[in-house]
């Protein structure tokens, strides 16, 4: 019974902390810069391809 209570308590703590951790990881400025850089690289590649045609 003690193991079940400990397991449930640990899961409750993990579930309650996942929101802030998710927000921190997903909205880091690194990911925003990386997404923007990839977008610019794609646009440059498309512009280069259109110039070659």
N, C-alpha and C. Protein backbone atom coordinates (compact mmCIF):
# COMPACT_ATOMS: atom_id res chain seq x y z
N UNK A 1 0.83 -1.19 0.00
CA UNK A 1 0.00 0.00 0.00
C UNK A 1 0.87 1.26 0.00
N UNK A 2 1.96 1.23 0.77
CA UNK A 2 2.86 2.38 0.81
C UNK A 2 3.47 2.64 -0.56
N UNK A 3 3.84 1.59 -1.25
CA UNK A 3 4.43 1.75 -2.59
C UNK A 3 3.43 2.39 -3.54
N UNK A 4 2.17 2.01 -3.44
CA UNK A 4 1.15 2.59 -4.30
C UNK A 4 0.97 4.08 -4.02
N UNK A 5 0.98 4.46 -2.76
CA UNK A 5 0.86 5.87 -2.40
C UNK A 5 2.06 6.68 -2.87
N UNK A 6 3.24 6.12 -2.71
CA UNK A 6 4.45 6.81 -3.18
C UNK A 6 4.41 6.96 -4.69
N UNK A 7 4.04 5.89 -5.38
CA UNK A 7 3.95 5.93 -6.84
C UNK A 7 2.95 6.99 -7.30
N UNK A 8 1.79 7.03 -6.67
CA UNK A 8 0.77 8.02 -7.02
C UNK A 8 1.25 9.43 -6.72
N UNK A 9 1.93 9.62 -5.60
CA UNK A 9 2.45 10.94 -5.25
C UNK A 9 3.50 11.42 -6.23
N UNK A 10 4.39 10.53 -6.61
CA UNK A 10 5.44 10.90 -7.58
C UNK A 10 4.81 11.26 -8.92
N UNK A 11 3.84 10.49 -9.35
CA UNK A 11 3.16 10.80 -10.61
C UNK A 11 2.43 12.13 -10.53
N UNK A 12 1.81 12.43 -9.41
CA UNK A 12 1.12 13.71 -9.26
C UNK A 12 2.10 14.87 -9.36
N UNK A 13 3.25 14.73 -8.76
CA UNK A 13 4.27 15.79 -8.84
C UNK A 13 4.76 15.94 -10.28
N UNK A 14 5.01 14.85 -10.96
CA UNK A 14 5.49 14.92 -12.34
C UNK A 14 4.45 15.55 -13.26
N UNK A 15 3.20 15.18 -13.10
CA UNK A 15 2.14 15.75 -13.94
C UNK A 15 1.99 17.25 -13.68
N UNK A 16 2.12 17.67 -12.44
CA UNK A 16 1.95 19.09 -12.13
C UNK A 16 3.12 19.94 -12.61
N UNK A 17 4.28 19.33 -12.82
CA UNK A 17 5.43 20.11 -13.26
C UNK A 17 5.67 20.04 -14.76
N UNK A 18 4.93 19.21 -15.48
CA UNK A 18 5.20 19.07 -16.91
C UNK A 18 4.84 20.32 -17.70
N UNK A 19 3.84 21.06 -17.28
CA UNK A 19 3.44 22.27 -18.00
C UNK A 19 4.54 23.31 -18.09
N UNK A 20 5.10 23.75 -16.98
CA UNK A 20 6.19 24.74 -17.05
C UNK A 20 7.43 24.21 -17.77
N UNK A 21 7.74 22.94 -17.60
CA UNK A 21 8.91 22.36 -18.29
C UNK A 21 8.66 22.36 -19.79
N UNK A 22 7.46 21.96 -20.21
CA UNK A 22 7.12 21.96 -21.63
C UNK A 22 7.22 23.36 -22.21
N UNK A 23 6.68 24.35 -21.52
CA UNK A 23 6.74 25.72 -22.00
C UNK A 23 8.19 26.20 -22.11
N UNK A 24 9.01 25.86 -21.13
CA UNK A 24 10.41 26.29 -21.15
C UNK A 24 11.14 25.68 -22.33
N UNK A 25 10.95 24.40 -22.55
CA UNK A 25 11.67 23.71 -23.62
C UNK A 25 11.17 24.14 -24.99
N UNK A 26 9.87 24.25 -25.15
CA UNK A 26 9.31 24.53 -26.47
C UNK A 26 9.44 25.98 -26.89
N UNK A 27 9.52 26.89 -25.96
CA UNK A 27 9.54 28.30 -26.31
C UNK A 27 10.88 28.96 -26.03
N UNK A 28 11.94 28.16 -26.00
CA UNK A 28 13.28 28.73 -25.85
C UNK A 28 13.61 29.59 -27.07
N UNK A 29 14.30 30.67 -26.87
CA UNK A 29 14.70 31.51 -28.02
C UNK A 29 15.51 30.74 -29.05
N UNK A 30 16.26 29.71 -28.62
CA UNK A 30 17.05 28.91 -29.56
C UNK A 30 16.14 28.31 -30.64
N UNK A 31 15.01 27.75 -30.24
CA UNK A 31 14.11 27.11 -31.20
C UNK A 31 13.50 28.14 -32.13
N UNK A 32 13.19 29.32 -31.59
CA UNK A 32 12.62 30.37 -32.43
C UNK A 32 13.64 30.82 -33.48
N UNK A 33 14.88 31.01 -33.05
CA UNK A 33 15.92 31.42 -34.01
C UNK A 33 16.16 30.32 -35.04
N UNK A 34 16.17 29.08 -34.60
CA UNK A 34 16.40 27.95 -35.51
C UNK A 34 15.27 27.84 -36.53
N UNK A 35 14.04 28.02 -36.08
CA UNK A 35 12.90 27.95 -36.98
C UNK A 35 12.97 29.07 -38.02
N UNK A 36 13.34 30.26 -37.57
CA UNK A 36 13.45 31.39 -38.49
C UNK A 36 14.59 31.18 -39.49
N UNK A 37 15.73 30.65 -39.02
CA UNK A 37 16.86 30.39 -39.91
C UNK A 37 16.50 29.35 -40.97
N UNK A 38 15.80 28.29 -40.55
CA UNK A 38 15.37 27.26 -41.51
C UNK A 38 14.42 27.84 -42.54
N UNK A 39 13.53 28.70 -42.09
CA UNK A 39 12.59 29.34 -42.99
C UNK A 39 13.33 30.20 -44.02
N UNK A 40 14.31 30.97 -43.58
CA UNK A 40 15.09 31.80 -44.49
C UNK A 40 15.89 30.96 -45.47
N UNK A 41 16.45 29.85 -44.99
CA UNK A 41 17.21 28.97 -45.88
C UNK A 41 16.30 28.37 -46.95
N UNK A 42 15.09 27.99 -46.57
CA UNK A 42 14.14 27.44 -47.54
C UNK A 42 13.77 28.49 -48.59
N UNK A 43 13.53 29.73 -48.14
CA UNK A 43 13.19 30.79 -49.08
C UNK A 43 14.36 31.06 -50.04
N UNK A 44 15.58 31.05 -49.52
CA UNK A 44 16.75 31.28 -50.36
C UNK A 44 16.90 30.17 -51.39
N UNK A 45 16.67 28.93 -50.97
CA UNK A 45 16.78 27.81 -51.89
C UNK A 45 15.72 27.89 -52.98
N UNK A 46 14.51 28.29 -52.61
CA UNK A 46 13.45 28.43 -53.61
C UNK A 46 13.77 29.56 -54.59
N UNK A 47 14.31 30.66 -54.09
CA UNK A 47 14.67 31.79 -54.95
C UNK A 47 15.79 31.38 -55.90
N UNK A 48 16.74 30.61 -55.41
CA UNK A 48 17.85 30.15 -56.25
C UNK A 48 17.34 29.21 -57.34
N UNK A 49 16.43 28.32 -56.96
CA UNK A 49 15.87 27.39 -57.94
C UNK A 49 15.07 28.12 -59.02
N UNK A 50 14.35 29.15 -58.63
CA UNK A 50 13.56 29.90 -59.60
C UNK A 50 14.44 30.72 -60.55
N UNK A 51 15.62 31.12 -60.08
CA UNK A 51 16.55 31.85 -60.93
C UNK A 51 17.19 30.94 -61.95
N UNK A 52 17.38 29.67 -61.59
CA UNK A 52 18.02 28.71 -62.49
C UNK A 52 17.10 28.28 -63.62
N UNK A 53 15.80 28.40 -63.44
CA UNK A 53 14.84 27.94 -64.46
C UNK A 53 14.70 28.94 -65.57
